[in-house]
Amino acid sequence: MAFFLLGIPWLATAIGTFFSSTIGFFASFVTRRLAVISAVVAVILSLTVGFIAAIEGLLSTITYVTPDLSGVFAIVPGNFSTCVSVIVTARLLKWAYGWNVSLAQMKLF
């Protein structure tokens, strides 16, 4: 019986070492993964804020203009070029935003 009791501290030490090393490995893995996820969330959040600010800035450049009822301007407003440039710029911003968000999401997987 005394011989059997001598092995218990060794067994407890072996089990404790195994569990502590396993928990340490999983903790380092989870910590690294959480760091990457939080960085990607921060990037996507900053991209979204920048995109919203850019769209609001573009919309503030459009002004209401009453059409001049002579010639072509009866159909096309005076700020037609501004409206077209805002539309094209907004589409380019949307494309760039979607591309950057998809790249950031690829970093997660």
N, C-alpha and C. Protein backbone atom coordinates (compact mmCIF):
# COMPACT_ATOMS: atom_id res chain seq x y z
N MET A 1 0.81 -1.19 0.00
CA MET A 1 0.00 0.00 0.00
C MET A 1 0.86 1.26 0.00
N ALA A 2 1.98 1.24 0.71
CA ALA A 2 2.85 2.41 0.76
C ALA A 2 3.47 2.69 -0.60
N PHE A 3 3.75 1.64 -1.36
CA PHE A 3 4.31 1.82 -2.70
C PHE A 3 3.32 2.52 -3.61
N PHE A 4 2.03 2.21 -3.48
CA PHE A 4 0.99 2.81 -4.29
C PHE A 4 0.85 4.30 -3.97
N LEU A 5 0.98 4.67 -2.70
CA LEU A 5 0.84 6.08 -2.30
C LEU A 5 2.01 6.92 -2.77
N LEU A 6 3.15 6.32 -3.01
CA LEU A 6 4.30 7.08 -3.49
C LEU A 6 4.10 7.59 -4.92
N GLY A 7 3.26 6.93 -5.70
CA GLY A 7 3.04 7.34 -7.09
C GLY A 7 2.02 8.44 -7.24
N ILE A 8 1.22 8.72 -6.21
CA ILE A 8 0.16 9.71 -6.32
C ILE A 8 0.72 11.14 -6.52
N PRO A 9 1.73 11.60 -5.78
CA PRO A 9 2.25 12.94 -6.06
C PRO A 9 2.82 13.07 -7.47
N TRP A 10 3.45 12.06 -7.97
CA TRP A 10 3.98 12.08 -9.33
C TRP A 10 2.85 12.18 -10.34
N LEU A 11 1.77 11.39 -10.11
CA LEU A 11 0.61 11.42 -11.00
C LEU A 11 -0.07 12.79 -10.96
N ALA A 12 -0.20 13.37 -9.78
CA ALA A 12 -0.82 14.69 -9.65
C ALA A 12 0.03 15.74 -10.36
N THR A 13 1.35 15.64 -10.26
CA THR A 13 2.23 16.58 -10.93
C THR A 13 2.13 16.44 -12.44
N ALA A 14 2.06 15.21 -12.94
CA ALA A 14 1.96 14.98 -14.38
C ALA A 14 0.63 15.50 -14.92
N ILE A 15 -0.45 15.23 -14.21
CA ILE A 15 -1.77 15.70 -14.66
C ILE A 15 -1.83 17.23 -14.61
N GLY A 16 -1.32 17.82 -13.55
CA GLY A 16 -1.31 19.28 -13.42
C GLY A 16 -0.49 19.94 -14.51
N THR A 17 0.68 19.36 -14.83
CA THR A 17 1.51 19.90 -15.89
C THR A 17 0.81 19.80 -17.24
N PHE A 18 0.15 18.69 -17.50
CA PHE A 18 -0.56 18.50 -18.76
C PHE A 18 -1.68 19.53 -18.90
N PHE A 19 -2.49 19.68 -17.86
CA PHE A 19 -3.61 20.62 -17.94
C PHE A 19 -3.13 22.06 -18.04
N SER A 20 -2.08 22.42 -17.30
CA SER A 20 -1.60 23.81 -17.36
C SER A 20 -1.00 24.13 -18.73
N SER A 21 -0.28 23.18 -19.33
CA SER A 21 0.27 23.44 -20.66
C SER A 21 -0.83 23.48 -21.72
N THR A 22 -1.86 22.64 -21.58
CA THR A 22 -2.97 22.65 -22.53
C THR A 22 -3.75 23.97 -22.42
N ILE A 23 -4.02 24.40 -21.22
CA ILE A 23 -4.74 25.66 -21.02
C ILE A 23 -3.91 26.84 -21.53
N GLY A 24 -2.61 26.80 -21.31
CA GLY A 24 -1.73 27.86 -21.81
C GLY A 24 -1.72 27.93 -23.33
N PHE A 25 -1.72 26.77 -23.98
CA PHE A 25 -1.73 26.74 -25.45
C PHE A 25 -3.03 27.33 -25.98
N PHE A 26 -4.16 26.89 -25.43
CA PHE A 26 -5.44 27.39 -25.91
C PHE A 26 -5.62 28.88 -25.58
N ALA A 27 -5.10 29.32 -24.46
CA ALA A 27 -5.19 30.74 -24.11
C ALA A 27 -4.39 31.59 -25.08
N SER A 28 -3.20 31.15 -25.46
CA SER A 28 -2.40 31.92 -26.43
C SER A 28 -3.06 31.92 -27.81
N PHE A 29 -3.68 30.80 -28.19
CA PHE A 29 -4.36 30.73 -29.47
C PHE A 29 -5.56 31.66 -29.49
N VAL A 30 -6.37 31.63 -28.42
CA VAL A 30 -7.55 32.47 -28.35
C VAL A 30 -7.16 33.95 -28.27
N THR A 31 -6.12 34.27 -27.55
CA THR A 31 -5.67 35.66 -27.44
C THR A 31 -5.21 36.19 -28.78
N ARG A 32 -4.46 35.41 -29.51
CA ARG A 32 -4.00 35.82 -30.84
C ARG A 32 -5.19 36.02 -31.77
N ARG A 33 -6.15 35.09 -31.71
CA ARG A 33 -7.33 35.18 -32.57
C ARG A 33 -8.17 36.41 -32.21
N LEU A 34 -8.32 36.68 -30.92
CA LEU A 34 -9.08 37.86 -30.50
C LEU A 34 -8.39 39.15 -30.93
N ALA A 35 -7.08 39.18 -30.93
CA ALA A 35 -6.35 40.36 -31.38
C ALA A 35 -6.59 40.62 -32.86
N VAL A 36 -6.58 39.57 -33.66
CA VAL A 36 -6.83 39.73 -35.10
C VAL A 36 -8.27 40.18 -35.34
N ILE A 37 -9.21 39.58 -34.63
CA ILE A 37 -10.62 39.94 -34.81
C ILE A 37 -10.86 41.39 -34.41
N SER A 38 -10.29 41.82 -33.30
CA SER A 38 -10.50 43.20 -32.87
C SER A 38 -9.83 44.18 -33.84
N ALA A 39 -8.70 43.82 -34.42
CA ALA A 39 -8.06 44.69 -35.40
C ALA A 39 -8.91 44.81 -36.67
N VAL A 40 -9.48 43.69 -37.12
CA VAL A 40 -10.32 43.72 -38.32
C VAL A 40 -11.59 44.52 -38.06
N VAL A 41 -12.17 44.38 -36.88
CA VAL A 41 -13.37 45.16 -36.55
C VAL A 41 -13.03 46.65 -36.52
N ALA A 42 -11.88 47.01 -36.00
CA ALA A 42 -11.47 48.42 -35.97
C ALA A 42 -11.26 48.96 -37.39
N VAL A 43 -10.67 48.16 -38.26
CA VAL A 43 -10.45 48.58 -39.65
C VAL A 43 -11.79 48.77 -40.36
N ILE A 44 -12.70 47.81 -40.20
CA ILE A 44 -14.01 47.92 -40.86
C ILE A 44 -14.78 49.12 -40.31
N LEU A 45 -14.69 49.36 -39.01
CA LEU A 45 -15.38 50.50 -38.42
C LEU A 45 -14.82 51.82 -38.94
N SER A 46 -13.51 51.92 -39.05
CA SER A 46 -12.93 53.16 -39.58
C SER A 46 -13.26 53.35 -41.06
N LEU A 47 -13.29 52.27 -41.81
CA LEU A 47 -13.70 52.37 -43.22
C LEU A 47 -15.14 52.83 -43.35
N THR A 48 -16.01 52.32 -42.49
CA THR A 48 -17.42 52.70 -42.54
C THR A 48 -17.60 54.17 -42.18
N VAL A 49 -16.92 54.63 -41.16
CA VAL A 49 -17.02 56.04 -40.77
C VAL A 49 -16.49 56.94 -41.88
N GLY A 50 -15.38 56.56 -42.49
CA GLY A 50 -14.84 57.33 -43.61
C GLY A 50 -15.76 57.34 -44.81
N PHE A 51 -16.39 56.21 -45.09
CA PHE A 51 -17.32 56.13 -46.22
C PHE A 51 -18.54 57.02 -45.98
N ILE A 52 -19.08 56.97 -44.77
CA ILE A 52 -20.25 57.81 -44.46
C ILE A 52 -19.89 59.28 -44.53
N ALA A 53 -18.73 59.64 -44.03
CA ALA A 53 -18.30 61.05 -44.08
C ALA A 53 -18.11 61.51 -45.52
N ALA A 54 -17.54 60.65 -46.36
CA ALA A 54 -17.33 61.02 -47.76
C ALA A 54 -18.66 61.19 -48.50
N ILE A 55 -19.61 60.30 -48.25
CA ILE A 55 -20.92 60.41 -48.91
C ILE A 55 -21.65 61.66 -48.43
N GLU A 56 -21.59 61.95 -47.14
CA GLU A 56 -22.23 63.17 -46.63
C GLU A 56 -21.56 64.41 -47.21
N GLY A 57 -20.26 64.38 -47.38
CA GLY A 57 -19.57 65.50 -48.01
C GLY A 57 -19.98 65.69 -49.46
N LEU A 58 -20.15 64.59 -50.16
CA LEU A 58 -20.61 64.69 -51.55
C LEU A 58 -22.02 65.23 -51.64
N LEU A 59 -22.88 64.77 -50.74
CA LEU A 59 -24.26 65.24 -50.77
C LEU A 59 -24.39 66.71 -50.41
N SER A 60 -23.45 67.21 -49.63
CA SER A 60 -23.52 68.63 -49.27
C SER A 60 -23.11 69.53 -50.43
N THR A 61 -22.45 68.99 -51.44
CA THR A 61 -22.07 69.82 -52.59
C THR A 61 -23.23 70.04 -53.57
N ILE A 62 -24.25 69.20 -53.48
CA ILE A 62 -25.39 69.35 -54.38
C ILE A 62 -26.31 70.44 -53.82
N THR A 63 -26.63 71.38 -54.66
CA THR A 63 -27.53 72.46 -54.25
C THR A 63 -28.78 72.42 -55.14
N TYR A 64 -29.83 72.97 -54.60
CA TYR A 64 -31.08 73.04 -55.36
C TYR A 64 -30.99 74.20 -56.34
N VAL A 65 -31.21 73.92 -57.62
CA VAL A 65 -31.15 74.94 -58.65
C VAL A 65 -32.45 74.89 -59.44
N THR A 66 -33.10 76.02 -59.56
CA THR A 66 -34.31 76.07 -60.39
C THR A 66 -33.87 76.12 -61.86
N PRO A 67 -34.51 75.33 -62.68
CA PRO A 67 -34.08 75.29 -64.08
C PRO A 67 -34.42 76.59 -64.82
N ASP A 68 -33.51 76.93 -65.71
CA ASP A 68 -33.74 78.06 -66.60
C ASP A 68 -34.60 77.53 -67.74
N LEU A 69 -35.69 78.14 -68.01
CA LEU A 69 -36.64 77.60 -68.97
C LEU A 69 -36.32 77.96 -70.42
N SER A 70 -35.07 78.15 -70.75
CA SER A 70 -34.73 78.45 -72.14
C SER A 70 -33.79 77.36 -72.67
N GLY A 71 -34.14 76.83 -73.78
CA GLY A 71 -33.29 75.86 -74.47
C GLY A 71 -33.16 74.52 -73.74
N VAL A 72 -31.95 74.00 -73.75
CA VAL A 72 -31.66 72.70 -73.16
C VAL A 72 -31.83 72.72 -71.65
N PHE A 73 -31.64 73.86 -71.04
CA PHE A 73 -31.70 73.95 -69.58
C PHE A 73 -33.10 73.77 -69.03
N ALA A 74 -34.10 73.68 -69.91
CA ALA A 74 -35.44 73.36 -69.45
C ALA A 74 -35.50 71.89 -69.03
N ILE A 75 -34.62 71.06 -69.61
CA ILE A 75 -34.58 69.62 -69.29
C ILE A 75 -33.42 69.31 -68.36
N VAL A 76 -32.27 69.88 -68.61
CA VAL A 76 -31.06 69.61 -67.84
C VAL A 76 -30.83 70.77 -66.87
N PRO A 77 -30.69 70.50 -65.59
CA PRO A 77 -30.47 71.59 -64.64
C PRO A 77 -29.07 72.19 -64.78
N GLY A 78 -28.87 73.32 -64.16
CA GLY A 78 -27.59 74.02 -64.24
C GLY A 78 -26.47 73.29 -63.51
N ASN A 79 -26.80 72.49 -62.53
CA ASN A 79 -25.77 71.75 -61.79
C ASN A 79 -25.71 70.28 -62.22
N PHE A 80 -25.99 70.04 -63.49
CA PHE A 80 -25.98 68.68 -64.02
C PHE A 80 -24.61 68.02 -63.88
N SER A 81 -23.55 68.77 -64.19
CA SER A 81 -22.21 68.19 -64.10
C SER A 81 -21.85 67.86 -62.66
N THR A 82 -22.30 68.67 -61.72
CA THR A 82 -22.05 68.39 -60.30
C THR A 82 -22.78 67.12 -59.88
N CYS A 83 -24.02 66.97 -60.31
CA CYS A 83 -24.79 65.78 -59.95
C CYS A 83 -24.17 64.52 -60.53
N VAL A 84 -23.74 64.58 -61.79
CA VAL A 84 -23.12 63.41 -62.42
C VAL A 84 -21.80 63.07 -61.73
N SER A 85 -21.01 64.07 -61.40
CA SER A 85 -19.74 63.79 -60.73
C SER A 85 -19.96 63.23 -59.33
N VAL A 86 -21.00 63.68 -58.64
CA VAL A 86 -21.31 63.12 -57.32
C VAL A 86 -21.75 61.66 -57.45
N ILE A 87 -22.54 61.35 -58.44
CA ILE A 87 -22.99 59.97 -58.65
C ILE A 87 -21.81 59.05 -58.98
N VAL A 88 -20.94 59.50 -59.88
CA VAL A 88 -19.78 58.68 -60.26
C VAL A 88 -18.84 58.50 -59.07
N THR A 89 -18.61 59.56 -58.33
CA THR A 89 -17.73 59.47 -57.16
C THR A 89 -18.33 58.57 -56.09
N ALA A 90 -19.63 58.66 -55.88
CA ALA A 90 -20.28 57.79 -54.89
C ALA A 90 -20.19 56.33 -55.28
N ARG A 91 -20.33 56.04 -56.55
CA ARG A 91 -20.19 54.64 -57.01
C ARG A 91 -18.75 54.14 -56.84
N LEU A 92 -17.78 55.01 -57.12
CA LEU A 92 -16.37 54.62 -56.91
C LEU A 92 -16.08 54.41 -55.42
N LEU A 93 -16.63 55.27 -54.58
CA LEU A 93 -16.46 55.10 -53.14
C LEU A 93 -17.09 53.79 -52.66
N LYS A 94 -18.27 53.48 -53.19
CA LYS A 94 -18.94 52.23 -52.82
C LYS A 94 -18.11 51.03 -53.24
N TRP A 95 -17.55 51.09 -54.43
CA TRP A 95 -16.71 49.98 -54.91
C TRP A 95 -15.46 49.83 -54.04
N ALA A 96 -14.81 50.94 -53.73
CA ALA A 96 -13.60 50.88 -52.90
C ALA A 96 -13.93 50.41 -51.49
N TYR A 97 -15.05 50.86 -50.94
CA TYR A 97 -15.45 50.42 -49.61
C TYR A 97 -15.74 48.92 -49.59
N GLY A 98 -16.49 48.45 -50.57
CA GLY A 98 -16.79 47.02 -50.63
C GLY A 98 -15.54 46.18 -50.81
N TRP A 99 -14.61 46.64 -51.62
CA TRP A 99 -13.37 45.91 -51.84
C TRP A 99 -12.54 45.84 -50.55
N ASN A 100 -12.41 46.96 -49.87
CA ASN A 100 -11.61 46.99 -48.64
C ASN A 100 -12.25 46.18 -47.52
N VAL A 101 -13.57 46.22 -47.41
CA VAL A 101 -14.23 45.41 -46.38
C VAL A 101 -14.09 43.93 -46.68
N SER A 102 -14.19 43.55 -47.94
CA SER A 102 -14.03 42.13 -48.28
C SER A 102 -12.59 41.66 -48.02
N LEU A 103 -11.61 42.53 -48.26
CA LEU A 103 -10.22 42.17 -47.93
C LEU A 103 -10.04 42.02 -46.43
N ALA A 104 -10.65 42.89 -45.66
CA ALA A 104 -10.56 42.80 -44.20
C ALA A 104 -11.25 41.54 -43.69
N GLN A 105 -12.36 41.17 -44.30
CA GLN A 105 -13.06 39.95 -43.89
C GLN A 105 -12.28 38.70 -44.27
N MET A 106 -11.53 38.76 -45.37
CA MET A 106 -10.71 37.61 -45.75
C MET A 106 -9.61 37.37 -44.74
N LYS A 107 -9.19 38.42 -44.06
CA LYS A 107 -8.15 38.28 -43.04
C LYS A 107 -8.63 37.41 -41.87
N LEU A 108 -9.95 37.39 -41.66
CA LEU A 108 -10.50 36.60 -40.56
C LEU A 108 -10.47 35.10 -40.85
N PHE A 109 -10.56 34.73 -42.11
CA PHE A 109 -10.67 33.30 -42.42
C PHE A 109 -9.44 32.81 -43.05
